[in-house]
């Protein structure tokens, strides 16, 4: 029997039915889930973009119809979040495309027999800044951006200067 008498002392090495321990696995770090490739992910779930677009339009319509201020505020926050997510996704896509084009150029140079040249982080940052500058110039928002930047830098500089009460 599985149950033993309580009157007898339990033997030291008793045969017990082994209970299998439940193994929890996180798909983010598990090899069984495969490798994350953003290009494949974007292709697979590209249908979600159209759904998100429809949802955004629906929220905009609700926002126009809504009279309750609390509800209107909630919808406005939701709309802002949706637009920010959309912008972030576009930015990420641009970054991916730029990296792919750089890789293609490196492959072409390697095929021609030239030594591959990889950009440093600082150089990539400079290229990003130049592209941002060109984009702002095209959209006509360059002056306002530079004014904001100047103000921010002036505040930083002011903080590092000695204060009047110390003099």
C-alpha atoms as a PDB file:
ATOM      1  CA  UNK A   1       0.000   0.000   0.000  1.00  0.00           C
ATOM      2  CA  UNK A   2       1.025   3.588  -0.590  1.00  0.00           C
ATOM      3  CA  UNK A   3       0.005   4.538   2.968  1.00  0.00           C
ATOM      4  CA  UNK A   4       2.153   3.177   5.757  1.00  0.00           C
ATOM      5  CA  UNK A   5       1.315   2.551   9.327  1.00  0.00           C
ATOM      6  CA  UNK A   6       1.936   5.475  11.644  1.00  0.00           C
ATOM      7  CA  UNK A   7       3.071   3.149  14.404  1.00  0.00           C
ATOM      8  CA  UNK A   8       6.171   1.937  12.586  1.00  0.00           C
ATOM      9  CA  UNK A   9       9.060   4.362  11.953  1.00  0.00           C
ATOM     10  CA  UNK A  10       9.406   5.354   8.312  1.00  0.00           C
ATOM     11  CA  UNK A  11      12.429   3.770   6.632  1.00  0.00           C
ATOM     12  CA  UNK A  12      15.239   6.154   5.698  1.00  0.00           C
ATOM     13  CA  UNK A  13      15.325   5.286   1.989  1.00  0.00           C
ATOM     14  CA  UNK A  14      11.669   4.907   1.086  1.00  0.00           C
ATOM     15  CA  UNK A  15      10.530   4.432  -2.523  1.00  0.00           C
ATOM     16  CA  UNK A  16       8.239   7.343  -3.331  1.00  0.00           C
ATOM     17  CA  UNK A  17       6.371   7.878  -6.619  1.00  0.00           C
ATOM     18  CA  UNK A  18       8.387  10.608  -8.387  1.00  0.00           C
ATOM     19  CA  UNK A  19       6.433  13.787  -9.058  1.00  0.00           C
ATOM     20  CA  UNK A  20       7.486  15.574 -12.216  1.00  0.00           C
ATOM     21  CA  UNK A  21       8.364  19.175 -11.580  1.00  0.00           C
ATOM     22  CA  UNK A  22       6.586  21.599 -13.890  1.00  0.00           C
ATOM     23  CA  UNK A  23       9.158  23.423 -16.004  1.00  0.00           C
ATOM     24  CA  UNK A  24       8.166  26.973 -16.850  1.00  0.00           C
ATOM     25  CA  UNK A  25       9.670  28.338 -20.031  1.00  0.00           C
ATOM     26  CA  UNK A  26       9.838  31.875 -21.253  1.00  0.00           C
ATOM     27  CA  UNK A  27       9.444  32.014 -25.037  1.00  0.00           C
ATOM     28  CA  UNK A  28      11.593  35.160 -25.217  1.00  0.00           C
ATOM     29  CA  UNK A  29      14.709  33.285 -24.069  1.00  0.00           C
ATOM     30  CA  UNK A  30      13.932  29.746 -25.199  1.00  0.00           C
ATOM     31  CA  UNK A  31      15.667  28.181 -28.191  1.00  0.00           C
ATOM     32  CA  UNK A  32      12.508  26.272 -29.102  1.00  0.00           C
ATOM     33  CA  UNK A  33      10.811  29.534 -30.075  1.00  0.00           C
ATOM     34  CA  UNK A  34      13.399  30.331 -32.727  1.00  0.00           C
ATOM     35  CA  UNK A  35      15.291  33.518 -33.428  1.00  0.00           C
ATOM     36  CA  UNK A  36      13.701  36.972 -33.588  1.00  0.00           C
ATOM     37  CA  UNK A  37      14.056  38.534 -36.998  1.00  0.00           C
ATOM     38  CA  UNK A  38      12.330  41.913 -37.310  1.00  0.00           C
ATOM     39  CA  UNK A  39      11.886  41.672 -41.099  1.00  0.00           C
ATOM     40  CA  UNK A  40      10.013  38.377 -40.848  1.00  0.00           C
ATOM     41  CA  UNK A  41       8.012  39.645 -37.885  1.00  0.00           C
ATOM     42  CA  UNK A  42       6.936  42.776 -39.778  1.00  0.00           C
ATOM     43  CA  UNK A  43       5.919  40.727 -42.839  1.00  0.00           C
ATOM     44  CA  UNK A  44       3.974  38.224 -40.756  1.00  0.00           C
ATOM     45  CA  UNK A  45       2.057  40.808 -38.770  1.00  0.00           C
ATOM     46  CA  UNK A  46       1.684  43.474 -41.471  1.00  0.00           C
ATOM     47  CA  UNK A  47      -2.095  42.975 -41.422  1.00  0.00           C
ATOM     48  CA  UNK A  48      -2.153  44.607 -37.972  1.00  0.00           C
ATOM     49  CA  UNK A  49      -1.251  47.980 -39.499  1.00  0.00           C
ATOM     50  CA  UNK A  50      -4.568  48.177 -41.352  1.00  0.00           C
ATOM     51  CA  UNK A  51      -6.454  47.165 -38.198  1.00  0.00           C
ATOM     52  CA  UNK A  52      -4.638  49.835 -36.186  1.00  0.00           C
ATOM     53  CA  UNK A  53      -5.483  52.409 -38.832  1.00  0.00           C
ATOM     54  CA  UNK A  54      -9.176  51.489 -38.638  1.00  0.00           C
ATOM     55  CA  UNK A  55      -9.091  51.694 -34.837  1.00  0.00           C
ATOM     56  CA  UNK A  56      -7.466  55.104 -35.004  1.00  0.00           C
ATOM     57  CA  UNK A  57     -10.161  56.402 -37.361  1.00  0.00           C
ATOM     58  CA  UNK A  58     -12.829  54.968 -35.056  1.00  0.00           C
ATOM     59  CA  UNK A  59     -11.301  56.728 -32.040  1.00  0.00           C
ATOM     60  CA  UNK A  60     -11.190  60.002 -34.000  1.00  0.00           C
ATOM     61  CA  UNK A  61     -14.885  59.678 -34.852  1.00  0.00           C
ATOM     62  CA  UNK A  62     -15.744  58.936 -31.222  1.00  0.00           C
ATOM     63  CA  UNK A  63     -13.697  61.937 -30.138  1.00  0.00           C
ATOM     64  CA  UNK A  64     -15.700  64.235 -32.435  1.00  0.00           C
ATOM     65  CA  UNK A  65     -19.041  62.864 -31.197  1.00  0.00           C
ATOM     66  CA  UNK A  66     -18.148  62.759 -27.494  1.00  0.00           C
ATOM     67  CA  UNK A  67     -19.599  65.406 -25.147  1.00  0.00           C
ATOM     68  CA  UNK A  68     -18.383  64.110 -21.789  1.00  0.00           C
ATOM     69  CA  UNK A  69     -15.120  65.858 -20.858  1.00  0.00           C
ATOM     70  CA  UNK A  70     -13.612  62.883 -18.985  1.00  0.00           C
ATOM     71  CA  UNK A  71     -14.364  60.515 -21.838  1.00  0.00           C
ATOM     72  CA  UNK A  72     -13.037  63.071 -24.332  1.00  0.00           C
ATOM     73  CA  UNK A  73      -9.784  63.371 -22.385  1.00  0.00           C
ATOM     74  CA  UNK A  74      -9.389  59.579 -22.289  1.00  0.00           C
ATOM     75  CA  UNK A  75      -9.970  59.310 -26.021  1.00  0.00           C
ATOM     76  CA  UNK A  76      -7.496  62.129 -26.679  1.00  0.00           C
ATOM     77  CA  UNK A  77      -4.806  60.339 -24.648  1.00  0.00           C
ATOM     78  CA  UNK A  78      -5.529  57.110 -26.527  1.00  0.00           C
ATOM     79  CA  UNK A  79      -5.289  58.897 -29.869  1.00  0.00           C
ATOM     80  CA  UNK A  80      -1.991  60.521 -28.870  1.00  0.00           C
ATOM     81  CA  UNK A  81      -0.585  57.160 -27.810  1.00  0.00           C
ATOM     82  CA  UNK A  82      -1.661  55.592 -31.114  1.00  0.00           C
ATOM     83  CA  UNK A  83      -0.001  58.335 -33.165  1.00  0.00           C
ATOM     84  CA  UNK A  84       3.188  58.117 -31.098  1.00  0.00           C
ATOM     85  CA  UNK A  85       3.339  54.350 -31.591  1.00  0.00           C
ATOM     86  CA  UNK A  86       2.829  54.829 -35.318  1.00  0.00           C
ATOM     87  CA  UNK A  87       5.633  57.403 -35.486  1.00  0.00           C
ATOM     88  CA  UNK A  88       7.964  55.180 -33.462  1.00  0.00           C
ATOM     89  CA  UNK A  89       7.258  52.263 -35.793  1.00  0.00           C
ATOM     90  CA  UNK A  90       8.009  54.399 -38.861  1.00  0.00           C
ATOM     91  CA  UNK A  91      11.230  55.615 -37.271  1.00  0.00           C
ATOM     92  CA  UNK A  92      12.273  52.039 -36.475  1.00  0.00           C
ATOM     93  CA  UNK A  93      11.481  50.971 -40.039  1.00  0.00           C
ATOM     94  CA  UNK A  94      13.603  53.825 -41.450  1.00  0.00           C
ATOM     95  CA  UNK A  95      16.490  52.845 -39.187  1.00  0.00           C
ATOM     96  CA  UNK A  96      16.240  49.203 -40.293  1.00  0.00           C
ATOM     97  CA  UNK A  97      16.177  50.207 -43.958  1.00  0.00           C
ATOM     98  CA  UNK A  98      19.229  52.431 -43.495  1.00  0.00           C
ATOM     99  CA  UNK A  99      21.154  49.609 -41.802  1.00  0.00           C
ATOM    100  CA  UNK A 100      20.169  47.191 -44.572  1.00  0.00           C
ATOM    101  CA  UNK A 101      21.336  49.621 -47.246  1.00  0.00           C
ATOM    102  CA  UNK A 102      24.688  50.049 -45.454  1.00  0.00           C
ATOM    103  CA  UNK A 103      25.057  46.252 -45.278  1.00  0.00           C
ATOM    104  CA  UNK A 104      24.278  45.974 -48.990  1.00  0.00           C
ATOM    105  CA  UNK A 105      26.928  48.582 -49.795  1.00  0.00           C
ATOM    106  CA  UNK A 106      29.464  46.672 -47.687  1.00  0.00           C
ATOM    107  CA  UNK A 107      28.642  43.439 -49.515  1.00  0.00           C
ATOM    108  CA  UNK A 108      29.074  45.147 -52.889  1.00  0.00           C
ATOM    109  CA  UNK A 109      32.449  46.533 -51.822  1.00  0.00           C
ATOM    110  CA  UNK A 110      33.474  43.089 -50.521  1.00  0.00           C
ATOM    111  CA  UNK A 111      32.518  41.527 -53.880  1.00  0.00           C
ATOM    112  CA  UNK A 112      34.750  44.060 -55.620  1.00  0.00           C
ATOM    113  CA  UNK A 113      37.597  42.936 -53.369  1.00  0.00           C
ATOM    114  CA  UNK A 114      37.754  45.963 -51.114  1.00  0.00           C
ATOM    115  CA  UNK A 115      38.144  45.731 -47.356  1.00  0.00           C
ATOM    116  CA  UNK A 116      34.836  46.186 -45.490  1.00  0.00           C
ATOM    117  CA  UNK A 117      34.457  49.399 -43.486  1.00  0.00           C
ATOM    118  CA  UNK A 118      32.057  49.505 -40.554  1.00  0.00           C
ATOM    119  CA  UNK A 119      30.728  52.751 -39.131  1.00  0.00           C
ATOM    120  CA  UNK A 120      31.264  53.607 -35.488  1.00  0.00           C
ATOM    121  CA  UNK A 121      28.344  54.507 -33.263  1.00  0.00           C
ATOM    122  CA  UNK A 122      29.398  58.155 -33.246  1.00  0.00           C
ATOM    123  CA  UNK A 123      29.516  58.262 -37.049  1.00  0.00           C
ATOM    124  CA  UNK A 124      26.068  56.648 -37.260  1.00  0.00           C
ATOM    125  CA  UNK A 125      24.809  59.288 -34.845  1.00  0.00           C
ATOM    126  CA  UNK A 126      26.257  62.036 -37.023  1.00  0.00           C
ATOM    127  CA  UNK A 127      24.529  60.587 -40.092  1.00  0.00           C
ATOM    128  CA  UNK A 128      21.241  60.434 -38.148  1.00  0.00           C
ATOM    129  CA  UNK A 129      21.653  64.055 -37.104  1.00  0.00           C
ATOM    130  CA  UNK A 130      22.374  65.143 -40.684  1.00  0.00           C
ATOM    131  CA  UNK A 131      19.294  63.291 -41.920  1.00  0.00           C
ATOM    132  CA  UNK A 132      17.165  64.847 -39.172  1.00  0.00           C
ATOM    133  CA  UNK A 133      18.481  68.283 -40.140  1.00  0.00           C
ATOM    134  CA  UNK A 134      17.596  67.694 -43.801  1.00  0.00           C
ATOM    135  CA  UNK A 135      14.112  66.454 -42.845  1.00  0.00           C
ATOM    136  CA  UNK A 136      13.474  69.510 -40.638  1.00  0.00           C
ATOM    137  CA  UNK A 137      14.684  71.804 -43.403  1.00  0.00           C
ATOM    138  CA  UNK A 138      12.273  70.163 -45.868  1.00  0.00           C
ATOM    139  CA  UNK A 139       9.318  70.467 -43.493  1.00  0.00           C
ATOM    140  CA  UNK A 140      10.200  74.063 -42.533  1.00  0.00           C
ATOM    141  CA  UNK A 141      10.507  73.362 -38.801  1.00  0.00           C
ATOM    142  CA  UNK A 142      14.274  73.783 -38.648  1.00  0.00           C
ATOM    143  CA  UNK A 143      14.277  77.275 -37.102  1.00  0.00           C
ATOM    144  CA  UNK A 144      11.914  76.367 -34.260  1.00  0.00           C
ATOM    145  CA  UNK A 145      13.913  73.203 -33.547  1.00  0.00           C
ATOM    146  CA  UNK A 146      17.184  75.140 -33.392  1.00  0.00           C
ATOM    147  CA  UNK A 147      15.616  77.778 -31.107  1.00  0.00           C
ATOM    148  CA  UNK A 148      14.468  75.089 -28.694  1.00  0.00           C
ATOM    149  CA  UNK A 149      17.921  73.509 -28.797  1.00  0.00           C
ATOM    150  CA  UNK A 150      19.576  76.870 -28.065  1.00  0.00           C
ATOM    151  CA  UNK A 151      17.268  77.506 -25.101  1.00  0.00           C
ATOM    152  CA  UNK A 152      17.949  74.046 -23.708  1.00  0.00           C
ATOM    153  CA  UNK A 153      21.706  74.501 -24.045  1.00  0.00           C
ATOM    154  CA  UNK A 154      21.510  77.984 -22.465  1.00  0.00           C
ATOM    155  CA  UNK A 155      19.708  76.536 -19.436  1.00  0.00           C
ATOM    156  CA  UNK A 156      22.371  73.825 -19.126  1.00  0.00           C
ATOM    157  CA  UNK A 157      25.148  76.415 -19.358  1.00  0.00           C
ATOM    158  CA  UNK A 158      23.450  78.598 -16.755  1.00  0.00           C
ATOM    159  CA  UNK A 159      23.342  75.702 -14.333  1.00  0.00           C
ATOM    160  CA  UNK A 160      27.101  75.218 -14.572  1.00  0.00           C
ATOM    161  CA  UNK A 161      27.886  78.909 -14.003  1.00  0.00           C
ATOM    162  CA  UNK A 162      28.548  80.019 -10.422  1.00  0.00           C
ATOM    163  CA  UNK A 163      25.452  81.502  -8.816  1.00  0.00           C
ATOM    164  CA  UNK A 164      25.160  85.152  -7.694  1.00  0.00           C
ATOM    165  CA  UNK A 165      24.939  84.322  -3.995  1.00  0.00           C
ATOM    166  CA  UNK A 166      28.320  82.538  -4.100  1.00  0.00           C
ATOM    167  CA  UNK A 167      30.077  85.680  -5.360  1.00  0.00           C
END
